[in-house]
N, C-alpha and C. Protein backbone atom coordinates (compact mmCIF):
# COMPACT_ATOMS: atom_id res chain seq x y z
N MET A 1 1.33 -1.38 0.10
CA MET A 1 -0.15 0.16 -0.26
C MET A 1 0.83 1.13 -0.38
N LYS A 2 2.33 1.04 0.49
CA LYS A 2 2.98 2.45 0.89
C LYS A 2 3.66 2.72 -0.72
N LYS A 3 4.05 1.50 -1.41
CA LYS A 3 4.56 1.35 -2.47
C LYS A 3 3.40 2.56 -3.89
N TYR A 4 1.88 2.15 -3.25
CA TYR A 4 0.78 2.43 -4.54
C TYR A 4 0.04 4.00 -3.59
N PHE A 5 0.87 4.19 -2.85
CA PHE A 5 0.34 5.64 -2.00
C PHE A 5 1.74 6.58 -2.57
N VAL A 6 3.19 6.30 -2.46
CA VAL A 6 4.42 7.32 -2.95
C VAL A 6 3.62 7.61 -4.49
N THR A 7 3.59 6.48 -5.04
CA THR A 7 3.35 6.81 -7.03
C THR A 7 2.14 7.73 -7.32
N GLY A 8 0.96 7.33 -6.31
CA GLY A 8 0.07 8.42 -6.71
C GLY A 8 0.75 9.27 -6.42
N LEU A 9 0.97 9.79 -5.11
CA LEU A 9 1.61 11.09 -4.64
C LEU A 9 2.42 12.06 -6.09
N ILE A 10 3.56 11.15 -6.42
CA ILE A 10 4.29 11.56 -7.58
C ILE A 10 3.25 12.37 -8.36
N ILE A 11 2.49 11.36 -8.82
CA ILE A 11 1.61 12.00 -9.73
C ILE A 11 0.70 13.50 -9.41
N LEU A 12 0.09 12.90 -7.86
CA LEU A 12 -0.88 13.30 -7.95
C LEU A 12 -0.24 15.46 -7.74
N LEU A 13 0.74 15.47 -6.90
CA LEU A 13 1.72 16.50 -5.76
C LEU A 13 2.01 17.62 -7.42
N PRO A 14 3.05 17.33 -8.35
CA PRO A 14 3.39 17.99 -9.12
C PRO A 14 2.25 18.53 -9.79
N LEU A 15 0.98 17.87 -10.29
CA LEU A 15 0.01 18.65 -11.25
C LEU A 15 -0.96 19.42 -9.88
N THR A 16 -1.13 18.86 -8.62
CA THR A 16 -1.59 19.98 -7.55
C THR A 16 -0.59 21.33 -7.52
N VAL A 17 0.23 20.87 -7.92
CA VAL A 17 1.26 22.66 -8.02
C VAL A 17 1.29 23.35 -8.46
N THR A 18 1.40 22.37 -10.17
CA THR A 18 1.19 23.51 -11.51
C THR A 18 -0.34 24.23 -11.48
N ILE A 19 -1.29 23.01 -11.54
CA ILE A 19 -2.87 23.90 -10.63
C ILE A 19 -2.47 25.12 -9.91
N ALA A 20 -2.05 24.90 -8.84
CA ALA A 20 -1.87 26.02 -8.30
C ALA A 20 -1.31 27.74 -8.30
N ILE A 21 -0.06 27.26 -8.91
CA ILE A 21 0.90 28.16 -9.59
C ILE A 21 -0.19 28.94 -10.84
N ILE A 22 -0.80 28.14 -11.85
CA ILE A 22 -1.61 28.86 -12.71
C ILE A 22 -2.74 29.64 -12.04
N ILE A 23 -3.44 28.62 -11.42
CA ILE A 23 -4.50 29.74 -10.64
C ILE A 23 -3.96 31.27 -9.76
N PHE A 24 -2.98 31.23 -9.62
CA PHE A 24 -2.51 31.92 -8.62
C PHE A 24 -2.08 32.79 -9.66
N VAL A 25 -1.22 32.39 -10.55
CA VAL A 25 -0.63 33.60 -12.37
C VAL A 25 -2.13 34.41 -12.28
N VAL A 26 -3.51 33.52 -13.00
CA VAL A 26 -4.59 34.47 -13.19
C VAL A 26 -5.19 34.95 -12.39
N ASN A 27 -4.90 34.47 -11.50
CA ASN A 27 -5.82 35.32 -10.20
C ASN A 27 -5.30 37.06 -10.57
N PHE A 28 -3.91 36.61 -9.93
CA PHE A 28 -3.16 37.74 -9.76
C PHE A 28 -3.55 39.05 -11.02
N LEU A 29 -3.01 38.61 -12.41
CA LEU A 29 -3.53 39.00 -13.51
C LEU A 29 -4.67 39.94 -13.93
N THR A 30 -5.45 39.16 -13.37
CA THR A 30 -6.96 39.34 -13.46
C THR A 30 -7.53 40.61 -12.13
N LYS A 31 -6.91 40.39 -11.75
CA LYS A 31 -7.67 40.82 -10.26
C LYS A 31 -8.45 42.47 -10.31
N PRO A 32 -7.21 43.15 -11.22
CA PRO A 32 -7.43 44.46 -11.08
C PRO A 32 -8.44 44.42 -12.20
N PHE A 33 -9.20 43.79 -13.24
CA PHE A 33 -9.85 44.33 -13.65
C PHE A 33 -10.95 43.55 -13.39
N ILE A 34 -11.48 43.24 -13.06
CA ILE A 34 -12.56 41.60 -12.74
C ILE A 34 -13.98 42.28 -12.06
N GLY A 35 -13.65 43.00 -11.64
CA GLY A 35 -14.49 43.92 -10.72
C GLY A 35 -15.56 44.29 -12.53
N PHE A 36 -14.32 44.98 -13.01
CA PHE A 36 -15.62 45.86 -13.65
C PHE A 36 -16.21 44.89 -14.93
N VAL A 37 -15.46 44.12 -15.56
CA VAL A 37 -15.98 42.84 -16.57
C VAL A 37 -16.86 42.37 -16.51
N MET A 38 -16.72 41.57 -14.76
CA MET A 38 -17.93 40.80 -14.74
C MET A 38 -19.47 41.64 -14.57
N LYS A 39 -18.99 43.28 -14.14
CA LYS A 39 -20.12 44.00 -14.19
C LYS A 39 -20.95 44.20 -15.41
N TYR A 40 -20.26 44.37 -16.22
CA TYR A 40 -20.77 44.58 -17.77
C TYR A 40 -20.85 43.17 -17.96
N LEU A 41 -20.66 41.58 -18.27
CA LEU A 41 -20.87 40.55 -18.21
C LEU A 41 -21.99 40.10 -17.50
N ALA A 42 -22.63 40.76 -16.48
CA ALA A 42 -23.63 40.15 -15.52
C ALA A 42 -25.06 41.23 -16.20
N GLU A 43 -24.49 41.98 -17.03
CA GLU A 43 -25.72 43.11 -18.26
C GLU A 43 -25.73 42.79 -19.38
N THR A 44 -25.75 41.67 -19.68
CA THR A 44 -25.87 40.83 -20.90
C THR A 44 -26.45 39.36 -20.88
N LYS A 45 -26.62 38.74 -21.71
CA LYS A 45 -27.56 37.60 -21.92
C LYS A 45 -27.08 36.57 -20.63
N ILE A 46 -25.28 36.18 -20.89
CA ILE A 46 -24.69 35.54 -20.55
C ILE A 46 -25.32 34.99 -18.61
N LYS A 47 -25.13 36.31 -18.23
CA LYS A 47 -25.90 36.40 -16.68
C LYS A 47 -27.26 34.93 -16.54
N ASP A 48 -27.75 34.44 -17.64
CA ASP A 48 -29.11 33.66 -17.70
C ASP A 48 -28.49 31.86 -18.24
N LEU A 49 -27.24 32.12 -18.09
CA LEU A 49 -26.51 30.69 -19.21
C LEU A 49 -26.24 30.58 -17.48
N GLY A 50 -26.17 28.66 -17.93
CA GLY A 50 -24.96 27.82 -16.62
C GLY A 50 -24.33 27.26 -17.72
N PHE A 51 -23.04 26.21 -17.07
CA PHE A 51 -22.55 26.02 -17.77
C PHE A 51 -21.84 24.26 -17.36
N PHE A 52 -22.98 23.25 -17.77
CA PHE A 52 -22.42 21.90 -16.32
C PHE A 52 -22.72 22.61 -14.94
N ILE A 53 -22.06 22.63 -14.69
CA ILE A 53 -21.76 21.99 -12.50
C ILE A 53 -21.82 23.70 -12.62
N LEU A 54 -21.63 24.09 -13.03
CA LEU A 54 -21.27 25.56 -12.93
C LEU A 54 -22.24 26.49 -12.59
N SER A 55 -22.28 27.89 -11.60
CA SER A 55 -23.08 28.03 -11.06
C SER A 55 -23.42 29.78 -12.46
N GLN A 56 -24.04 30.42 -12.42
CA GLN A 56 -24.22 31.51 -13.14
C GLN A 56 -22.75 32.34 -12.75
N GLU A 57 -23.03 32.49 -10.95
CA GLU A 57 -21.95 33.47 -10.62
C GLU A 57 -20.83 32.97 -11.50
N GLN A 58 -20.14 31.79 -11.46
CA GLN A 58 -19.11 31.27 -11.35
C GLN A 58 -18.82 30.94 -12.96
N VAL A 59 -20.05 30.82 -14.18
CA VAL A 59 -19.71 31.27 -15.32
C VAL A 59 -19.39 32.70 -15.90
N ILE A 60 -20.35 33.78 -14.74
CA ILE A 60 -20.04 35.59 -15.32
C ILE A 60 -18.46 35.39 -15.23
N LYS A 61 -17.94 34.65 -13.79
CA LYS A 61 -16.95 35.16 -12.91
C LYS A 61 -15.20 34.61 -14.16
N TYR A 62 -15.41 32.89 -14.45
CA TYR A 62 -14.74 32.40 -15.27
C TYR A 62 -13.99 33.18 -16.50
N GLY A 63 -15.88 33.48 -16.82
CA GLY A 63 -15.53 34.05 -18.48
C GLY A 63 -14.95 35.28 -18.63
N SER A 64 -15.66 36.56 -17.23
CA SER A 64 -14.61 37.72 -17.21
C SER A 64 -12.96 37.40 -17.24
N GLN A 65 -12.61 36.62 -16.72
CA GLN A 65 -11.30 36.42 -16.53
C GLN A 65 -10.56 35.91 -17.93
N ILE A 66 -11.21 34.99 -18.63
CA ILE A 66 -11.23 34.66 -19.61
C ILE A 66 -11.08 35.68 -20.54
N ILE A 67 -11.77 36.53 -20.66
CA ILE A 67 -11.86 37.77 -21.50
C ILE A 67 -10.84 38.94 -21.31
N ILE A 68 -10.37 39.26 -20.18
CA ILE A 68 -9.09 39.83 -19.55
C ILE A 68 -8.00 39.05 -19.90
N LEU A 69 -7.51 37.98 -19.87
CA LEU A 69 -5.98 37.31 -20.20
C LEU A 69 -6.13 37.65 -21.69
N ILE A 70 -7.73 37.39 -22.26
CA ILE A 70 -6.75 37.44 -23.80
C ILE A 70 -6.85 39.01 -24.29
N ALA A 71 -7.55 40.06 -23.82
CA ALA A 71 -7.10 41.26 -23.98
C ALA A 71 -5.94 41.63 -23.27
N LEU A 72 -5.58 41.14 -21.92
CA LEU A 72 -3.91 41.39 -21.61
C LEU A 72 -2.94 40.84 -22.80
N PHE A 73 -2.95 39.39 -23.47
CA PHE A 73 -2.05 39.13 -24.69
C PHE A 73 -2.46 39.69 -25.32
N PHE A 74 -3.42 40.26 -26.26
CA PHE A 74 -3.24 41.28 -26.86
C PHE A 74 -2.50 42.37 -26.48
N LEU A 75 -2.65 43.21 -25.89
CA LEU A 75 -2.22 44.28 -25.08
C LEU A 75 -0.89 44.40 -25.35
N THR A 76 0.03 43.56 -25.04
CA THR A 76 0.96 43.00 -24.48
C THR A 76 1.98 43.05 -25.90
N LEU A 77 0.93 42.34 -27.28
CA LEU A 77 1.92 42.94 -28.52
C LEU A 77 1.73 43.84 -29.12
N LEU A 78 0.45 44.11 -28.12
CA LEU A 78 0.81 45.90 -29.11
C LEU A 78 1.60 47.06 -28.57
N LEU A 79 1.74 46.76 -27.50
CA LEU A 79 2.85 47.00 -26.80
C LEU A 79 3.99 47.11 -26.99
N GLY A 80 4.45 45.85 -27.16
CA GLY A 80 5.72 45.10 -27.96
C GLY A 80 6.19 45.89 -29.48
N TYR A 81 4.85 46.11 -30.57
CA TYR A 81 4.87 46.66 -31.74
C TYR A 81 4.88 47.77 -32.10
N ILE A 82 3.90 48.92 -30.56
CA ILE A 82 4.41 50.53 -30.57
C ILE A 82 5.63 50.78 -30.43
N ALA A 83 6.04 49.57 -29.19
CA ALA A 83 7.47 49.89 -28.51
C ALA A 83 9.00 50.44 -29.49
N ARG A 84 8.26 49.70 -30.97
CA ARG A 84 9.45 49.35 -31.90
C ARG A 84 9.84 50.78 -32.33
N TRP A 85 8.62 51.75 -32.43
CA TRP A 85 8.35 53.17 -33.52
C TRP A 85 9.81 53.91 -32.32
N PHE A 86 10.05 54.48 -33.47
CA PHE A 86 11.08 55.79 -33.29
C PHE A 86 11.29 56.32 -31.79
N PHE A 87 9.40 57.02 -32.13
CA PHE A 87 8.99 57.88 -31.91
C PHE A 87 8.92 57.22 -30.02
N VAL A 88 8.08 56.05 -30.31
CA VAL A 88 8.30 55.91 -28.29
C VAL A 88 9.08 55.29 -28.44
N LYS A 89 10.13 54.69 -28.93
CA LYS A 89 11.73 54.30 -28.41
C LYS A 89 12.04 55.93 -27.82
N THR A 90 12.63 56.82 -28.65
CA THR A 90 12.14 57.99 -27.74
C THR A 90 12.00 58.00 -26.44
N LEU A 91 10.84 58.54 -26.59
CA LEU A 91 10.09 58.75 -25.27
C LEU A 91 10.57 57.84 -24.20
N ILE A 92 10.37 56.47 -24.37
CA ILE A 92 10.63 55.40 -23.12
C ILE A 92 12.28 56.47 -22.99
N SER A 93 13.03 56.54 -23.78
CA SER A 93 14.09 57.01 -23.45
C SER A 93 14.43 57.69 -22.36
N VAL A 94 13.96 59.12 -22.60
CA VAL A 94 13.94 60.35 -21.72
C VAL A 94 12.91 60.06 -20.32
N SER A 95 12.12 58.65 -20.80
CA SER A 95 11.25 58.65 -18.96
C SER A 95 12.53 57.78 -18.38
N ASP A 96 13.03 57.12 -19.43
CA ASP A 96 14.33 56.32 -18.66
C ASP A 96 15.58 57.41 -17.53
N LYS A 97 15.43 58.21 -18.57
CA LYS A 97 16.86 59.14 -18.01
C LYS A 97 16.07 59.75 -16.67
N ILE A 98 14.93 60.22 -16.90
CA ILE A 98 14.24 60.98 -15.62
C ILE A 98 13.92 60.22 -14.63
N LEU A 99 13.95 58.54 -14.58
CA LEU A 99 13.54 57.57 -13.67
C LEU A 99 14.77 57.58 -12.71
N HIS A 100 15.96 57.61 -13.31
CA HIS A 100 16.95 57.45 -12.89
C HIS A 100 17.67 58.78 -12.44
N LYS A 101 17.07 60.09 -12.36
CA LYS A 101 17.55 61.16 -11.85
C LYS A 101 16.41 61.00 -10.30
N ILE A 102 15.18 59.98 -10.26
CA ILE A 102 15.13 60.70 -8.97
C ILE A 102 15.48 59.60 -7.87
N PRO A 103 15.55 60.38 -6.24
CA PRO A 103 15.78 59.72 -5.68
C PRO A 103 15.38 58.61 -5.23
N ILE A 104 15.91 57.60 -4.19
CA ILE A 104 15.25 56.33 -3.93
C ILE A 104 15.39 55.56 -5.29
N VAL A 105 13.87 56.52 -6.43
CA VAL A 105 13.55 55.37 -7.26
C VAL A 105 13.74 54.58 -7.96
N ASN A 106 15.34 55.92 -8.37
CA ASN A 106 16.84 55.08 -9.06
C ASN A 106 17.11 54.18 -9.06
N LYS A 107 17.22 54.28 -7.93
CA LYS A 107 18.20 52.81 -7.30
C LYS A 107 17.66 51.52 -7.75
N VAL A 108 16.29 51.63 -7.19
CA VAL A 108 15.50 50.07 -7.56
C VAL A 108 15.54 49.99 -8.95
N TYR A 109 14.95 51.22 -9.55
CA TYR A 109 14.48 51.28 -11.09
C TYR A 109 16.49 50.74 -12.36
N LYS A 110 17.35 51.32 -11.89
CA LYS A 110 18.76 51.15 -12.23
C LYS A 110 18.61 49.36 -11.65
N THR A 111 18.84 49.25 -10.63
CA THR A 111 18.81 47.85 -9.91
C THR A 111 18.40 46.41 -11.14
N THR A 112 17.07 46.71 -11.04
CA THR A 112 15.79 45.61 -11.41
C THR A 112 15.85 45.82 -12.68
N GLN A 113 16.08 46.76 -13.25
CA GLN A 113 17.26 46.85 -14.94
C GLN A 113 17.35 46.18 -15.45
N GLU A 114 19.18 46.17 -14.78
CA GLU A 114 20.14 45.85 -15.05
C GLU A 114 20.39 44.15 -14.84
N ILE A 115 19.37 43.68 -13.76
CA ILE A 115 18.45 42.49 -13.02
C ILE A 115 18.41 42.22 -14.70
N ILE A 116 17.11 42.80 -15.22
CA ILE A 116 16.24 42.20 -16.32
C ILE A 116 16.86 42.23 -17.45
N LYS A 117 18.20 42.90 -17.97
CA LYS A 117 18.78 42.72 -19.26
C LYS A 117 20.06 41.70 -19.00
N THR A 118 20.12 41.92 -17.60
CA THR A 118 21.19 39.97 -17.59
C THR A 118 20.73 39.02 -18.00
N LEU A 119 19.72 38.81 -17.61
CA LEU A 119 18.84 37.40 -17.60
C LEU A 119 18.11 36.94 -18.94
N PHE A 120 18.00 38.13 -19.21
CA PHE A 120 16.79 37.83 -20.87
C PHE A 120 17.41 38.68 -22.15
N VAL A 121 17.92 39.99 -21.49
CA VAL A 121 18.69 40.52 -23.20
C VAL A 121 19.88 40.69 -23.77
N THR A 122 20.73 40.65 -22.75
CA THR A 122 21.97 40.59 -23.04
C THR A 122 22.88 39.29 -23.50
N ASP A 123 23.29 39.42 -23.92
CA ASP A 123 24.08 37.45 -24.08
C ASP A 123 25.29 36.76 -23.75
N LYS A 124 25.38 37.96 -21.99
CA LYS A 124 25.88 37.32 -20.96
C LYS A 124 25.84 35.82 -20.70
N LYS A 125 26.61 35.14 -20.23
CA LYS A 125 26.52 33.45 -20.41
C LYS A 125 26.06 33.48 -18.94
N SER A 126 25.39 34.42 -17.87
CA SER A 126 24.77 34.27 -16.37
C SER A 126 24.22 33.58 -16.57
N PHE A 127 24.80 32.17 -14.93
CA PHE A 127 24.02 30.95 -15.14
C PHE A 127 23.75 30.26 -16.23
N LYS A 128 24.47 30.24 -16.84
CA LYS A 128 24.79 29.37 -17.79
C LYS A 128 25.40 28.09 -17.24
N LYS A 129 26.49 28.20 -16.49
CA LYS A 129 27.09 27.41 -15.87
C LYS A 129 27.34 26.68 -14.75
N VAL A 130 27.30 25.82 -14.19
CA VAL A 130 26.83 24.41 -12.72
C VAL A 130 28.44 23.87 -12.27
N VAL A 131 28.45 24.29 -11.55
CA VAL A 131 29.30 24.23 -10.63
C VAL A 131 29.20 23.65 -9.12
N LEU A 132 30.22 22.78 -8.86
CA LEU A 132 30.42 22.04 -7.19
C LEU A 132 31.31 23.36 -6.57
N VAL A 133 31.36 23.65 -5.68
CA VAL A 133 32.11 24.27 -4.63
C VAL A 133 31.92 24.29 -3.19
N PRO A 134 33.11 24.86 -2.97
CA PRO A 134 33.86 23.58 -1.35
C PRO A 134 32.49 24.70 -0.60
N PHE A 135 31.45 24.17 -0.02
CA PHE A 135 30.33 24.93 0.38
C PHE A 135 28.99 23.55 1.50
N PRO A 136 29.12 24.17 3.23
CA PRO A 136 29.64 25.63 4.11
C PRO A 136 31.04 24.91 4.10
N LYS A 137 31.54 24.55 3.88
CA LYS A 137 32.66 24.14 5.17
C LYS A 137 33.65 23.24 3.04
N SER A 138 34.82 23.11 3.51
CA SER A 138 36.00 22.63 2.54
C SER A 138 35.60 21.63 2.00
N ASN A 139 35.18 20.44 2.70
CA ASN A 139 35.40 19.20 2.45
C ASN A 139 33.47 18.54 2.64
N THR A 140 32.70 19.65 2.19
CA THR A 140 31.46 19.30 2.23
C THR A 140 31.53 20.00 0.77
N TYR A 141 29.98 19.77 -0.69
CA TYR A 141 30.07 20.63 -1.61
C TYR A 141 28.83 21.09 -1.98
N GLY A 142 28.30 22.15 -2.80
CA GLY A 142 27.08 22.35 -2.63
C GLY A 142 27.29 22.64 -4.57
N ILE A 143 25.88 23.08 -5.55
CA ILE A 143 25.39 23.36 -6.31
C ILE A 143 26.00 24.73 -6.21
N GLY A 144 26.42 25.45 -7.74
CA GLY A 144 26.07 27.00 -7.98
C GLY A 144 26.07 26.84 -9.22
N LEU A 145 25.35 28.10 -9.34
CA LEU A 145 25.45 28.30 -10.82
C LEU A 145 26.40 29.23 -10.89
N VAL A 146 27.29 29.96 -11.97
CA VAL A 146 27.76 30.78 -11.61
C VAL A 146 27.66 32.16 -12.75
N SER A 147 27.21 33.30 -12.11
CA SER A 147 26.65 34.98 -11.94
C SER A 147 27.85 34.89 -13.33
N ARG A 148 28.76 35.27 -12.59
CA ARG A 148 29.98 36.33 -13.74
C ARG A 148 31.34 36.53 -12.85
N GLU A 149 32.57 37.43 -13.33
CA GLU A 149 33.37 38.01 -12.42
C GLU A 149 32.99 38.74 -11.73
N SER A 150 33.62 38.16 -10.22
CA SER A 150 33.71 39.18 -9.10
C SER A 150 33.56 40.87 -9.10
N PRO A 151 33.50 41.55 -8.60
CA PRO A 151 33.86 43.10 -8.68
C PRO A 151 35.09 42.85 -9.00
N LYS A 152 36.06 43.72 -9.59
CA LYS A 152 37.53 44.24 -9.85
C LYS A 152 38.15 44.23 -8.20
N THR A 153 37.10 45.34 -7.63
CA THR A 153 37.57 45.56 -6.37
C THR A 153 37.91 44.84 -4.93
N CYS A 154 36.62 43.72 -5.26
CA CYS A 154 37.07 41.70 -4.70
C CYS A 154 38.12 41.21 -5.12
N SER A 155 38.22 40.77 -6.05
CA SER A 155 39.16 40.84 -6.50
C SER A 155 40.68 40.87 -6.20
N LYS A 156 40.73 42.36 -6.34
CA LYS A 156 41.68 43.04 -6.26
C LYS A 156 42.53 43.24 -4.74
N ILE A 157 41.54 43.50 -4.06
CA ILE A 157 42.01 43.60 -2.49
C ILE A 157 42.41 42.16 -2.11
N GLN A 158 41.96 40.70 -2.50
CA GLN A 158 42.12 39.50 -2.27
C GLN A 158 43.42 39.37 -2.90
N LYS A 159 43.86 40.33 -4.31
CA LYS A 159 44.81 40.07 -5.07
C LYS A 159 44.60 38.81 -5.94
N LYS A 160 43.43 38.10 -6.30
CA LYS A 160 43.21 36.78 -6.88
C LYS A 160 41.91 36.90 -7.23
N ASP A 161 41.63 36.42 -8.58
CA ASP A 161 41.00 36.07 -9.80
C ASP A 161 39.42 35.33 -8.75
N LEU A 162 37.74 36.09 -8.73
CA LEU A 162 36.82 35.48 -8.20
C LEU A 162 36.04 35.91 -8.91
N ILE A 163 35.20 34.78 -8.65
CA ILE A 163 34.37 34.68 -10.12
C ILE A 163 33.06 34.08 -8.57
N SER A 164 31.78 34.88 -9.18
CA SER A 164 30.97 34.92 -8.65
C SER A 164 29.75 33.87 -8.68
N VAL A 165 29.81 33.30 -7.26
CA VAL A 165 28.88 31.75 -7.39
C VAL A 165 27.52 32.66 -6.89
N PHE A 166 26.45 32.12 -7.33
CA PHE A 166 25.03 31.68 -6.88
C PHE A 166 24.86 30.06 -6.63
N ILE A 167 24.40 30.31 -4.73
CA ILE A 167 24.37 28.97 -4.33
C ILE A 167 22.78 28.84 -4.39
N PRO A 168 21.93 27.76 -4.26
CA PRO A 168 20.38 28.55 -4.59
C PRO A 168 20.11 27.72 -3.64
N THR A 169 19.33 27.65 -2.47
CA THR A 169 19.05 26.51 -1.16
C THR A 169 17.64 25.94 -1.55
N THR A 170 17.79 24.30 -0.55
CA THR A 170 16.53 24.05 -1.38
C THR A 170 15.52 23.81 -0.16
N PRO A 171 13.87 23.79 -0.77
CA PRO A 171 13.46 23.50 -2.17
C PRO A 171 12.79 24.58 -2.61
N ASN A 172 13.74 26.01 -2.43
CA ASN A 172 13.21 27.48 -2.75
C ASN A 172 14.20 27.52 -3.54
N PRO A 173 14.32 27.66 -4.18
CA PRO A 173 15.44 27.94 -5.88
C PRO A 173 16.11 29.22 -5.57
N THR A 174 15.07 30.24 -5.52
CA THR A 174 15.23 31.71 -5.10
C THR A 174 15.20 32.42 -4.45
N SER A 175 16.05 31.70 -3.13
CA SER A 175 16.90 31.79 -2.31
C SER A 175 18.07 31.35 -2.56
N GLY A 176 19.12 31.92 -1.56
CA GLY A 176 20.47 31.33 -2.01
C GLY A 176 21.34 32.06 -0.81
N PHE A 177 22.65 32.10 -1.71
CA PHE A 177 23.79 33.18 -1.19
C PHE A 177 24.71 33.32 -2.24
N LEU A 178 24.99 34.53 -2.25
CA LEU A 178 26.25 34.76 -3.88
C LEU A 178 27.67 35.14 -2.99
N LEU A 179 28.45 34.43 -3.49
CA LEU A 179 29.70 33.59 -2.97
C LEU A 179 30.88 33.45 -3.31
N MET A 180 32.17 34.26 -3.28
CA MET A 180 32.90 34.65 -4.59
C MET A 180 34.33 33.40 -4.32
N PHE A 181 34.72 32.73 -5.01
CA PHE A 181 35.80 31.84 -5.16
C PHE A 181 36.20 31.76 -6.36
N GLU A 182 37.61 31.54 -6.14
CA GLU A 182 38.85 31.50 -7.10
C GLU A 182 38.25 30.52 -8.48
N LYS A 183 38.50 30.45 -9.20
CA LYS A 183 38.77 29.81 -10.71
C LYS A 183 38.95 28.13 -9.99
N LYS A 184 40.33 28.05 -9.82
CA LYS A 184 40.85 26.51 -9.62
C LYS A 184 39.95 26.43 -8.36
N ASP A 185 39.07 26.53 -7.71
CA ASP A 185 38.27 25.67 -6.51
C ASP A 185 36.98 25.18 -7.50
N LEU A 186 36.95 25.59 -8.38
CA LEU A 186 35.35 25.64 -9.07
C LEU A 186 35.09 24.25 -9.47
N ILE A 187 34.80 23.45 -9.47
CA ILE A 187 34.17 21.82 -10.35
C ILE A 187 33.91 22.13 -10.97
N PHE A 188 33.20 22.49 -12.60
CA PHE A 188 32.68 22.35 -13.66
C PHE A 188 31.92 21.17 -13.87
N LEU A 189 30.28 21.48 -14.44
CA LEU A 189 29.19 20.07 -13.88
C LEU A 189 29.25 19.42 -15.64
N ASP A 190 29.17 18.74 -16.57
CA ASP A 190 28.08 18.58 -17.54
C ASP A 190 26.54 18.65 -17.04
N MET A 191 26.40 19.64 -16.74
CA MET A 191 24.65 19.55 -16.50
C MET A 191 24.36 20.74 -16.78
N LYS A 192 22.89 20.61 -16.95
CA LYS A 192 22.42 22.30 -17.83
C LYS A 192 22.09 22.90 -16.34
N THR A 193 21.71 24.17 -15.99
CA THR A 193 20.89 24.78 -15.37
C THR A 193 19.88 24.15 -15.33
N GLU A 194 18.70 23.76 -15.60
CA GLU A 194 17.96 22.97 -15.44
C GLU A 194 17.24 21.99 -14.95
N GLU A 195 18.84 21.09 -14.92
CA GLU A 195 18.56 19.65 -13.62
C GLU A 195 18.55 20.23 -13.46
N ALA A 196 20.53 21.16 -12.69
CA ALA A 196 20.36 21.48 -11.81
C ALA A 196 19.39 21.91 -10.47
N ILE A 197 18.36 22.72 -11.38
CA ILE A 197 17.20 24.08 -10.59
C ILE A 197 16.06 22.21 -10.21
N LYS A 198 16.39 21.43 -10.65
CA LYS A 198 15.12 20.20 -10.39
C LYS A 198 15.82 19.47 -9.67
N TYR A 199 17.16 19.19 -9.57
CA TYR A 199 17.77 18.75 -8.32
C TYR A 199 18.29 19.40 -7.52
N ILE A 200 17.90 20.51 -7.07
CA ILE A 200 17.69 21.68 -5.87
C ILE A 200 16.43 21.52 -5.13
N VAL A 201 15.28 21.72 -6.82
CA VAL A 201 13.85 21.86 -6.14
C VAL A 201 13.16 20.51 -5.62
N SER A 202 13.65 19.26 -5.88
CA SER A 202 13.77 18.03 -5.74
C SER A 202 14.18 17.34 -4.47
N CYS A 203 15.37 18.41 -4.06
CA CYS A 203 16.10 17.45 -2.18
C CYS A 203 16.72 16.46 -2.83
N GLY A 204 17.18 16.64 -3.90
CA GLY A 204 18.35 15.61 -4.19
C GLY A 204 17.31 14.43 -4.43
N VAL A 205 16.65 14.46 -5.10
CA VAL A 205 15.29 13.06 -5.26
C VAL A 205 15.02 12.47 -7.24
N VAL A 206 15.49 13.85 -8.02
CA VAL A 206 15.40 14.05 -9.56
C VAL A 206 17.08 14.50 -9.40
N ILE A 207 17.17 13.13 -9.88
CA ILE A 207 18.93 13.00 -10.48
C ILE A 207 19.32 13.27 -12.13
N PRO A 208 20.38 13.72 -12.30
CA PRO A 208 21.03 14.45 -13.20
C PRO A 208 20.44 12.62 -14.91
N LYS A 209 20.22 12.79 -15.95
CA LYS A 209 20.61 12.11 -16.20
C LYS A 209 21.85 12.17 -17.15
N ARG A 210 22.50 13.41 -16.94
CA ARG A 210 23.71 13.77 -17.72
C ARG A 210 24.30 12.97 -17.09
N ARG A 211 25.89 12.51 -17.86
CA ARG A 211 26.64 12.75 -16.55
C ARG A 211 27.89 13.85 -16.65
N MET A 212 28.08 13.51 -15.53
CA MET A 212 29.07 14.98 -14.96
C MET A 212 30.68 14.53 -15.02
N SER A 213 31.02 16.04 -15.59
CA SER A 213 32.37 15.75 -15.76
C SER A 213 33.05 16.50 -15.23
N LYS A 214 33.78 16.47 -13.86
CA LYS A 214 34.44 16.66 -13.31
C LYS A 214 35.45 17.21 -13.09
N ARG A 215 35.53 17.98 -13.96
CA ARG A 215 37.10 18.90 -14.26
C ARG A 215 37.20 20.54 -13.68
N ARG A 216 38.48 20.62 -12.95
CA ARG A 216 38.62 21.99 -12.57
C ARG A 216 39.00 22.75 -13.50
N LYS A 217 39.00 23.90 -13.73
CA LYS A 217 39.57 25.06 -14.17
C LYS A 217 40.35 25.55 -14.05
N LYS A 218 41.70 25.81 -14.81
CA LYS A 218 42.81 25.97 -14.61
C LYS A 218 42.76 27.10 -14.95
């Protein structure tokens, strides 16, 4: 019976988590507009409809969310298209400069902007290499993602070439430790970032299928 329960749990848990995340995202995106759209639909003939086991109120609510999601999708496409126009690019550039000059706001804005550009826009290989690092002590290892070279001031004061490595925590990889290591202390793995994240999130249960190549980079 234990085997059956574990098998069922393996099937059910990922599905439940996926559905919960989808519901959260849908509610988050539609919440600002749901009241207005539901009020509009309530005044149409759809209020007299039922759909299988759904009540009239549920039909109006879910119908409103579908309409909002479709509208947001096309609005996003439209904004992306408009943003490519020269005039709009200039306007965005001016707005960007203004935000960079506002105290406090510029700190948050510039930091967020740099992170987004690094992750999604630039061709830098941030978080593309998976490594083993001596963590939390010299005789144990943790899986880390290479960010990029450490700040020059850090390498200079230590008189060593240092590399920044992000070490995600288990089972939540969005938090972790940002540490700096010498290149010779990093053991580069033949493992994709996605495989490393799966391994971390699963607390070591999901083993990457790719062979790991424990080569120290000179």
